[in-house]
């Protein structure tokens, strides 16, 4: 159950920051935090990450609902068996629900974290997106190392 608390914290942080952006900034307004590198930029996204599949709101709502149900079921089944996997899925869950709330309420997602590297501008994103990416990265790392450890253990067992 503590993993649902992690998802709830992500959701609260995500929605709080988005509320501030919507209510305290004009659309497309940009506030430099670290000039030439990091800005808070009020932006809206009607698509997925990096602006793909614009205006497919109902598709994203449906896919997100399926993913959320799967993650809740998986977390419920895991209980306390795999702390790392549970944390990863909790981060993904919190982020998915955060963006789902935006899509259901506004038909678009509020983005505001804006990084620039020289002339390159990274697509603007939000806390929910960050949480999803961190959760997926953690899943990949855990999956890779778990598989590698099992293979290493099997090799040790076979040689002795």
N, C-alpha and C. Protein backbone atom coordinates (compact mmCIF):
# COMPACT_ATOMS: atom_id res chain seq x y z
N UNK A 1 0.81 -1.20 0.00
CA UNK A 1 0.00 0.00 0.00
C UNK A 1 0.86 1.27 0.00
N UNK A 2 2.05 1.19 0.56
CA UNK A 2 2.89 2.39 0.61
C UNK A 2 3.27 2.85 -0.80
N UNK A 3 3.21 1.94 -1.76
CA UNK A 3 3.56 2.32 -3.12
C UNK A 3 2.47 3.18 -3.76
N UNK A 4 1.24 2.99 -3.35
CA UNK A 4 0.18 3.87 -3.82
C UNK A 4 0.38 5.27 -3.25
N UNK A 5 0.99 5.36 -2.08
CA UNK A 5 1.30 6.66 -1.47
C UNK A 5 2.33 7.40 -2.33
N UNK A 6 3.32 6.68 -2.86
CA UNK A 6 4.31 7.30 -3.75
C UNK A 6 3.60 7.87 -4.98
N UNK A 7 2.71 7.09 -5.56
CA UNK A 7 1.96 7.56 -6.74
C UNK A 7 1.13 8.78 -6.38
N UNK A 8 0.53 8.78 -5.21
CA UNK A 8 -0.28 9.92 -4.76
C UNK A 8 0.59 11.17 -4.59
N UNK A 9 1.79 11.01 -4.02
CA UNK A 9 2.70 12.15 -3.87
C UNK A 9 3.09 12.73 -5.23
N UNK A 10 3.39 11.86 -6.18
CA UNK A 10 3.72 12.32 -7.54
C UNK A 10 2.53 13.09 -8.12
N UNK A 11 1.34 12.53 -7.98
CA UNK A 11 0.13 13.17 -8.50
C UNK A 11 -0.08 14.55 -7.87
N UNK A 12 0.06 14.65 -6.56
CA UNK A 12 -0.14 15.93 -5.87
C UNK A 12 0.91 16.95 -6.33
N UNK A 13 2.17 16.55 -6.40
CA UNK A 13 3.23 17.46 -6.83
C UNK A 13 2.99 17.90 -8.27
N UNK A 14 2.64 16.96 -9.13
CA UNK A 14 2.38 17.26 -10.54
C UNK A 14 1.22 18.24 -10.68
N UNK A 15 0.10 17.93 -10.07
CA UNK A 15 -1.08 18.78 -10.22
C UNK A 15 -0.89 20.15 -9.57
N UNK A 16 -0.15 20.21 -8.46
CA UNK A 16 0.12 21.49 -7.80
C UNK A 16 0.96 22.40 -8.68
N UNK A 17 2.01 21.84 -9.28
CA UNK A 17 2.86 22.65 -10.14
C UNK A 17 2.11 23.10 -11.39
N UNK A 18 1.28 22.22 -11.94
CA UNK A 18 0.49 22.60 -13.11
C UNK A 18 -0.53 23.68 -12.76
N UNK A 19 -1.13 23.58 -11.59
CA UNK A 19 -2.08 24.59 -11.15
C UNK A 19 -1.40 25.96 -11.09
N UNK A 20 -0.20 25.98 -10.52
CA UNK A 20 0.55 27.24 -10.44
C UNK A 20 0.84 27.81 -11.82
N UNK A 21 1.24 26.96 -12.74
CA UNK A 21 1.54 27.42 -14.10
C UNK A 21 0.28 27.99 -14.76
N UNK A 22 -0.83 27.27 -14.66
CA UNK A 22 -2.08 27.71 -15.30
C UNK A 22 -2.58 29.02 -14.69
N UNK A 23 -2.48 29.15 -13.37
CA UNK A 23 -3.08 30.31 -12.69
C UNK A 23 -2.12 31.48 -12.48
N UNK A 24 -0.84 31.27 -12.61
CA UNK A 24 0.12 32.35 -12.34
C UNK A 24 0.92 32.79 -13.56
N UNK A 25 0.80 32.06 -14.67
CA UNK A 25 1.55 32.40 -15.88
C UNK A 25 0.59 32.51 -17.07
N UNK A 26 0.93 33.36 -17.99
CA UNK A 26 0.20 33.43 -19.26
C UNK A 26 0.68 32.29 -20.15
N UNK A 27 -0.19 31.83 -21.03
CA UNK A 27 0.19 30.79 -21.98
C UNK A 27 1.37 31.28 -22.81
N UNK A 28 2.37 30.45 -22.94
CA UNK A 28 3.63 30.71 -23.67
C UNK A 28 4.58 31.67 -22.95
N UNK A 29 4.19 32.14 -21.77
CA UNK A 29 5.11 32.97 -20.98
C UNK A 29 6.29 32.10 -20.55
N UNK A 30 7.47 32.68 -20.54
CA UNK A 30 8.68 31.94 -20.18
C UNK A 30 9.46 32.72 -19.13
N UNK A 31 9.77 32.06 -18.02
CA UNK A 31 10.53 32.67 -16.93
C UNK A 31 11.88 31.98 -16.85
N UNK A 32 12.98 32.73 -17.04
CA UNK A 32 14.30 32.09 -16.94
C UNK A 32 14.62 31.73 -15.49
N UNK A 33 15.01 30.49 -15.28
CA UNK A 33 15.48 30.03 -13.97
C UNK A 33 17.00 30.04 -14.00
N UNK A 34 17.58 29.43 -15.02
CA UNK A 34 19.01 29.50 -15.31
C UNK A 34 19.11 29.95 -16.76
N UNK A 35 19.36 31.24 -16.94
CA UNK A 35 19.32 31.84 -18.28
C UNK A 35 20.18 31.05 -19.28
N UNK A 36 19.58 30.75 -20.43
CA UNK A 36 20.27 30.02 -21.48
C UNK A 36 20.27 28.51 -21.28
N UNK A 37 19.62 28.03 -20.19
CA UNK A 37 19.61 26.59 -19.92
C UNK A 37 18.24 26.08 -19.48
N UNK A 38 17.65 26.68 -18.44
CA UNK A 38 16.41 26.16 -17.87
C UNK A 38 15.40 27.29 -17.68
N UNK A 39 14.19 27.05 -18.21
CA UNK A 39 13.11 28.03 -18.13
C UNK A 39 11.82 27.34 -17.67
N UNK A 40 10.96 28.11 -17.03
CA UNK A 40 9.59 27.69 -16.80
C UNK A 40 8.78 28.34 -17.91
N UNK A 41 8.22 27.52 -18.79
CA UNK A 41 7.49 28.02 -19.96
C UNK A 41 6.10 27.39 -19.98
N UNK A 42 5.08 28.23 -19.90
CA UNK A 42 3.69 27.75 -19.91
C UNK A 42 3.33 27.29 -21.32
N UNK A 43 3.03 26.00 -21.43
CA UNK A 43 2.78 25.39 -22.74
C UNK A 43 1.68 24.34 -22.58
N UNK A 44 0.95 24.06 -23.64
CA UNK A 44 -0.07 23.01 -23.63
C UNK A 44 0.23 22.01 -24.73
N UNK A 45 -0.05 20.74 -24.45
CA UNK A 45 0.24 19.67 -25.39
C UNK A 45 -1.02 18.82 -25.55
N UNK A 46 -1.53 18.75 -26.76
CA UNK A 46 -2.72 17.94 -27.05
C UNK A 46 -2.35 16.55 -27.53
N UNK A 47 -1.06 16.23 -27.52
CA UNK A 47 -0.60 14.92 -27.99
C UNK A 47 0.12 14.17 -26.89
N UNK A 48 1.05 13.33 -27.31
CA UNK A 48 1.85 12.55 -26.36
C UNK A 48 3.20 13.23 -26.20
N UNK A 49 4.15 12.49 -25.67
CA UNK A 49 5.50 13.01 -25.48
C UNK A 49 6.02 13.59 -26.78
N UNK A 50 6.69 14.71 -26.67
CA UNK A 50 7.30 15.39 -27.81
C UNK A 50 6.26 15.85 -28.84
N UNK A 51 4.99 15.95 -28.41
CA UNK A 51 3.95 16.48 -29.28
C UNK A 51 3.44 15.54 -30.36
N UNK A 52 3.75 14.25 -30.25
CA UNK A 52 3.27 13.33 -31.29
C UNK A 52 1.79 13.03 -31.09
N UNK A 53 1.13 12.63 -32.16
CA UNK A 53 -0.29 12.27 -32.17
C UNK A 53 -1.18 13.37 -31.58
N UNK A 54 -1.00 14.59 -32.07
CA UNK A 54 -1.81 15.73 -31.61
C UNK A 54 -3.30 15.45 -31.81
N UNK A 55 -4.09 15.94 -30.87
CA UNK A 55 -5.56 15.88 -30.93
C UNK A 55 -6.14 14.47 -30.91
N UNK A 56 -5.46 13.53 -30.31
CA UNK A 56 -5.98 12.17 -30.13
C UNK A 56 -6.29 11.95 -28.65
N UNK A 57 -6.96 12.93 -28.03
CA UNK A 57 -7.19 12.95 -26.59
C UNK A 57 -7.87 11.68 -26.10
N UNK A 58 -8.94 11.25 -26.76
CA UNK A 58 -9.68 10.07 -26.29
C UNK A 58 -8.85 8.80 -26.41
N UNK A 59 -7.99 8.73 -27.40
CA UNK A 59 -7.09 7.59 -27.52
C UNK A 59 -6.15 7.53 -26.32
N UNK A 60 -5.59 8.69 -25.95
CA UNK A 60 -4.69 8.73 -24.80
C UNK A 60 -5.41 8.43 -23.49
N UNK A 61 -6.63 8.91 -23.37
CA UNK A 61 -7.41 8.62 -22.16
C UNK A 61 -7.65 7.12 -22.05
N UNK A 62 -8.05 6.48 -23.14
CA UNK A 62 -8.31 5.04 -23.14
C UNK A 62 -7.04 4.25 -22.82
N UNK A 63 -5.95 4.57 -23.51
CA UNK A 63 -4.69 3.87 -23.27
C UNK A 63 -4.23 4.06 -21.83
N UNK A 64 -4.33 5.29 -21.33
CA UNK A 64 -3.90 5.57 -19.96
C UNK A 64 -4.74 4.80 -18.96
N UNK A 65 -6.05 4.73 -19.17
CA UNK A 65 -6.91 3.97 -18.25
C UNK A 65 -6.51 2.50 -18.23
N UNK A 66 -6.22 1.94 -19.38
CA UNK A 66 -5.78 0.54 -19.44
C UNK A 66 -4.47 0.35 -18.69
N UNK A 67 -3.52 1.26 -18.91
CA UNK A 67 -2.22 1.18 -18.23
C UNK A 67 -2.40 1.33 -16.72
N UNK A 68 -3.23 2.28 -16.30
CA UNK A 68 -3.46 2.50 -14.86
C UNK A 68 -4.05 1.26 -14.21
N UNK A 69 -5.04 0.65 -14.85
CA UNK A 69 -5.65 -0.57 -14.30
C UNK A 69 -4.61 -1.68 -14.20
N UNK A 70 -3.80 -1.85 -15.24
CA UNK A 70 -2.74 -2.86 -15.23
C UNK A 70 -1.76 -2.61 -14.08
N UNK A 71 -1.32 -1.37 -13.92
CA UNK A 71 -0.33 -1.05 -12.88
C UNK A 71 -0.92 -1.27 -11.49
N UNK A 72 -2.15 -0.84 -11.28
CA UNK A 72 -2.79 -1.06 -9.97
C UNK A 72 -2.88 -2.55 -9.67
N UNK A 73 -3.31 -3.34 -10.65
CA UNK A 73 -3.38 -4.79 -10.48
C UNK A 73 -2.00 -5.36 -10.17
N UNK A 74 -1.00 -4.93 -10.93
CA UNK A 74 0.36 -5.44 -10.75
C UNK A 74 0.90 -5.07 -9.37
N UNK A 75 0.70 -3.82 -8.94
CA UNK A 75 1.16 -3.41 -7.61
C UNK A 75 0.45 -4.21 -6.53
N UNK A 76 -0.83 -4.45 -6.73
CA UNK A 76 -1.59 -5.23 -5.75
C UNK A 76 -1.05 -6.66 -5.66
N UNK A 77 -0.68 -7.24 -6.81
CA UNK A 77 -0.13 -8.59 -6.84
C UNK A 77 1.28 -8.64 -6.25
N UNK A 78 2.08 -7.61 -6.52
CA UNK A 78 3.46 -7.59 -6.03
C UNK A 78 3.52 -7.50 -4.52
N UNK A 79 2.58 -6.74 -3.96
CA UNK A 79 2.57 -6.43 -2.53
C UNK A 79 3.96 -5.94 -2.13
N UNK A 80 4.71 -6.67 -1.35
CA UNK A 80 6.03 -6.22 -0.92
C UNK A 80 7.14 -7.11 -1.45
N UNK A 81 6.89 -7.81 -2.55
CA UNK A 81 7.87 -8.75 -3.08
C UNK A 81 9.07 -8.08 -3.72
N UNK A 82 8.86 -7.02 -4.48
CA UNK A 82 9.93 -6.36 -5.20
C UNK A 82 9.85 -4.86 -5.00
N UNK A 83 10.64 -4.36 -4.08
CA UNK A 83 10.60 -2.94 -3.74
C UNK A 83 10.93 -2.07 -4.95
N UNK A 84 11.99 -2.40 -5.67
CA UNK A 84 12.40 -1.59 -6.81
C UNK A 84 11.34 -1.53 -7.89
N UNK A 85 10.79 -2.69 -8.24
CA UNK A 85 9.75 -2.74 -9.27
C UNK A 85 8.50 -1.98 -8.81
N UNK A 86 8.16 -2.12 -7.55
CA UNK A 86 6.99 -1.42 -7.02
C UNK A 86 7.17 0.09 -7.06
N UNK A 87 8.37 0.56 -6.72
CA UNK A 87 8.65 2.00 -6.79
C UNK A 87 8.56 2.47 -8.24
N UNK A 88 9.15 1.71 -9.15
CA UNK A 88 9.12 2.08 -10.57
C UNK A 88 7.68 2.19 -11.07
N UNK A 89 6.87 1.18 -10.78
CA UNK A 89 5.47 1.21 -11.22
C UNK A 89 4.68 2.32 -10.53
N UNK A 90 5.03 2.63 -9.28
CA UNK A 90 4.37 3.73 -8.57
C UNK A 90 4.65 5.07 -9.23
N UNK A 91 5.90 5.27 -9.65
CA UNK A 91 6.26 6.50 -10.35
C UNK A 91 5.51 6.62 -11.68
N UNK A 92 5.43 5.52 -12.40
CA UNK A 92 4.70 5.51 -13.67
C UNK A 92 3.22 5.78 -13.43
N UNK A 93 2.66 5.15 -12.40
CA UNK A 93 1.25 5.33 -12.08
C UNK A 93 0.94 6.79 -11.74
N UNK A 94 1.74 7.38 -10.86
CA UNK A 94 1.51 8.78 -10.48
C UNK A 94 1.58 9.71 -11.67
N UNK A 95 2.56 9.50 -12.54
CA UNK A 95 2.70 10.33 -13.73
C UNK A 95 1.56 10.12 -14.71
N UNK A 96 1.17 8.87 -14.91
CA UNK A 96 0.08 8.57 -15.84
C UNK A 96 -1.23 9.21 -15.38
N UNK A 97 -1.51 9.10 -14.09
CA UNK A 97 -2.75 9.69 -13.57
C UNK A 97 -2.67 11.22 -13.64
N UNK A 98 -1.50 11.79 -13.39
CA UNK A 98 -1.34 13.25 -13.48
C UNK A 98 -1.69 13.77 -14.86
N UNK A 99 -1.17 13.14 -15.89
CA UNK A 99 -1.49 13.58 -17.26
C UNK A 99 -2.92 13.22 -17.64
N UNK A 100 -3.44 12.11 -17.10
CA UNK A 100 -4.83 11.73 -17.35
C UNK A 100 -5.79 12.80 -16.81
N UNK A 101 -5.52 13.29 -15.62
CA UNK A 101 -6.36 14.34 -15.03
C UNK A 101 -6.42 15.55 -15.96
N UNK A 102 -5.26 15.96 -16.48
CA UNK A 102 -5.22 17.10 -17.41
C UNK A 102 -6.07 16.83 -18.65
N UNK A 103 -5.89 15.66 -19.24
CA UNK A 103 -6.61 15.34 -20.48
C UNK A 103 -8.12 15.30 -20.26
N UNK A 104 -8.55 14.74 -19.14
CA UNK A 104 -9.98 14.65 -18.85
C UNK A 104 -10.54 16.05 -18.57
N UNK A 105 -9.82 16.86 -17.78
CA UNK A 105 -10.32 18.18 -17.40
C UNK A 105 -10.22 19.21 -18.52
N UNK A 106 -9.12 19.19 -19.27
CA UNK A 106 -8.85 20.28 -20.22
C UNK A 106 -8.70 19.84 -21.67
N UNK A 107 -8.60 18.53 -21.90
CA UNK A 107 -8.38 18.05 -23.26
C UNK A 107 -6.95 18.23 -23.73
N UNK A 108 -6.07 18.60 -22.82
CA UNK A 108 -4.65 18.80 -23.12
C UNK A 108 -3.85 18.70 -21.84
N UNK A 109 -2.54 18.57 -21.99
CA UNK A 109 -1.64 18.43 -20.84
C UNK A 109 -0.86 19.73 -20.67
N UNK A 110 -0.73 20.17 -19.42
CA UNK A 110 0.05 21.36 -19.10
C UNK A 110 1.52 20.97 -18.98
N UNK A 111 2.36 21.60 -19.79
CA UNK A 111 3.81 21.39 -19.74
C UNK A 111 4.48 22.70 -19.37
N UNK A 112 5.64 22.63 -18.71
CA UNK A 112 6.29 23.87 -18.30
C UNK A 112 7.79 23.76 -18.07
N UNK A 113 8.36 22.59 -17.99
CA UNK A 113 9.80 22.44 -17.78
C UNK A 113 10.49 22.50 -19.13
N UNK A 114 11.33 23.50 -19.33
CA UNK A 114 11.88 23.79 -20.65
C UNK A 114 13.40 23.94 -20.55
N UNK A 115 14.12 23.03 -21.20
CA UNK A 115 15.58 23.05 -21.19
C UNK A 115 16.12 23.38 -22.57
N UNK A 116 17.19 24.16 -22.58
CA UNK A 116 17.89 24.50 -23.82
C UNK A 116 19.35 24.11 -23.67
N UNK A 117 19.90 23.57 -24.74
CA UNK A 117 21.31 23.22 -24.79
C UNK A 117 21.89 23.90 -26.03
N UNK A 118 22.45 25.09 -25.84
CA UNK A 118 22.90 25.86 -26.99
C UNK A 118 21.71 26.26 -27.84
N UNK A 119 21.73 25.90 -29.11
CA UNK A 119 20.60 26.23 -29.99
C UNK A 119 19.51 25.15 -29.94
N UNK A 120 19.80 24.01 -29.30
CA UNK A 120 18.81 22.93 -29.22
C UNK A 120 17.85 23.19 -28.06
N UNK A 121 16.56 23.09 -28.34
CA UNK A 121 15.55 23.22 -27.30
C UNK A 121 14.87 21.87 -27.10
N UNK A 122 15.03 21.31 -25.91
CA UNK A 122 14.39 20.05 -25.57
C UNK A 122 12.88 20.29 -25.48
N UNK A 123 12.05 19.33 -25.93
CA UNK A 123 10.59 19.52 -25.82
C UNK A 123 10.18 19.82 -24.38
N UNK A 124 9.23 20.72 -24.23
CA UNK A 124 8.75 21.13 -22.91
C UNK A 124 7.96 19.97 -22.30
N UNK A 125 8.16 19.72 -21.00
CA UNK A 125 7.51 18.59 -20.34
C UNK A 125 7.07 19.00 -18.94
N UNK A 126 6.61 18.04 -18.14
CA UNK A 126 6.10 18.34 -16.80
C UNK A 126 6.56 17.29 -15.79
N UNK A 127 6.12 17.43 -14.56
CA UNK A 127 6.51 16.50 -13.48
C UNK A 127 6.01 15.09 -13.78
N UNK A 128 4.79 14.96 -14.28
CA UNK A 128 4.24 13.64 -14.60
C UNK A 128 5.10 12.93 -15.64
N UNK A 129 5.49 13.66 -16.69
CA UNK A 129 6.35 13.08 -17.72
C UNK A 129 7.67 12.60 -17.11
N UNK A 130 8.24 13.43 -16.24
CA UNK A 130 9.51 13.08 -15.58
C UNK A 130 9.36 11.82 -14.76
N UNK A 131 8.27 11.73 -14.02
CA UNK A 131 8.02 10.57 -13.18
C UNK A 131 7.88 9.29 -14.02
N UNK A 132 7.18 9.40 -15.15
CA UNK A 132 7.03 8.25 -16.04
C UNK A 132 8.38 7.81 -16.59
N UNK A 133 9.18 8.77 -17.05
CA UNK A 133 10.50 8.44 -17.61
C UNK A 133 11.40 7.81 -16.56
N UNK A 134 11.42 8.37 -15.36
CA UNK A 134 12.24 7.81 -14.28
C UNK A 134 11.76 6.40 -13.94
N UNK A 135 10.45 6.20 -13.86
CA UNK A 135 9.90 4.88 -13.56
C UNK A 135 10.25 3.85 -14.62
N UNK A 136 10.13 4.23 -15.89
CA UNK A 136 10.47 3.31 -16.99
C UNK A 136 11.97 3.01 -16.98
N UNK A 137 12.79 4.03 -16.76
CA UNK A 137 14.25 3.81 -16.70
C UNK A 137 14.59 2.85 -15.56
N UNK A 138 13.96 3.04 -14.41
CA UNK A 138 14.19 2.14 -13.27
C UNK A 138 13.75 0.72 -13.60
N UNK A 139 12.61 0.57 -14.27
CA UNK A 139 12.16 -0.77 -14.70
C UNK A 139 13.18 -1.44 -15.61
N UNK A 140 13.69 -0.68 -16.58
CA UNK A 140 14.68 -1.24 -17.51
C UNK A 140 15.96 -1.65 -16.78
N UNK A 141 16.43 -0.79 -15.89
CA UNK A 141 17.64 -1.10 -15.12
C UNK A 141 17.43 -2.34 -14.28
N UNK A 142 16.31 -2.40 -13.56
CA UNK A 142 16.03 -3.55 -12.70
C UNK A 142 15.87 -4.83 -13.52
N UNK A 143 15.20 -4.73 -14.65
CA UNK A 143 15.01 -5.89 -15.51
C UNK A 143 16.35 -6.38 -16.04
N UNK A 144 17.18 -5.46 -16.50
CA UNK A 144 18.49 -5.82 -17.04
C UNK A 144 19.36 -6.47 -15.97
N UNK A 145 19.46 -5.83 -14.80
CA UNK A 145 20.33 -6.38 -13.76
C UNK A 145 19.78 -7.66 -13.16
N UNK A 146 18.47 -7.78 -13.07
CA UNK A 146 17.88 -9.01 -12.55
C UNK A 146 18.17 -10.16 -13.51
N UNK A 147 17.99 -9.92 -14.80
CA UNK A 147 18.27 -10.96 -15.80
C UNK A 147 19.75 -11.32 -15.80
N UNK A 148 20.61 -10.30 -15.68
CA UNK A 148 22.05 -10.54 -15.66
C UNK A 148 22.46 -11.34 -14.42
N UNK A 149 21.86 -11.03 -13.27
CA UNK A 149 22.17 -11.75 -12.04
C UNK A 149 21.70 -13.20 -12.13
N UNK A 150 20.53 -13.44 -12.70
CA UNK A 150 20.03 -14.80 -12.85
C UNK A 150 20.94 -15.60 -13.77
N UNK A 151 21.38 -14.98 -14.86
CA UNK A 151 22.28 -15.64 -15.80
C UNK A 151 23.61 -15.96 -15.14
N UNK A 152 24.13 -15.01 -14.38
CA UNK A 152 25.40 -15.20 -13.68
C UNK A 152 25.28 -16.32 -12.65
N UNK A 153 24.16 -16.36 -11.92
CA UNK A 153 23.93 -17.39 -10.93
C UNK A 153 23.83 -18.76 -11.60
N UNK A 154 23.14 -18.83 -12.74
CA UNK A 154 23.00 -20.09 -13.47
C UNK A 154 24.36 -20.59 -13.94
N UNK A 155 25.19 -19.68 -14.43
CA UNK A 155 26.53 -20.06 -14.90
C UNK A 155 27.38 -20.58 -13.74
N UNK A 156 27.29 -19.92 -12.58
CA UNK A 156 28.05 -20.37 -11.41
C UNK A 156 27.58 -21.75 -10.98
N UNK A 157 26.28 -21.97 -10.98
CA UNK A 157 25.72 -23.24 -10.56
C UNK A 157 26.13 -24.35 -11.53
N UNK A 158 26.13 -24.05 -12.83
CA UNK A 158 26.46 -25.04 -13.84
C UNK A 158 27.94 -25.42 -13.82
N UNK A 159 28.81 -24.52 -13.40
CA UNK A 159 30.25 -24.81 -13.39
C UNK A 159 30.68 -25.55 -12.13
N UNK A 160 29.83 -25.59 -11.12
CA UNK A 160 30.22 -26.27 -9.87
C UNK A 160 29.50 -27.55 -9.69
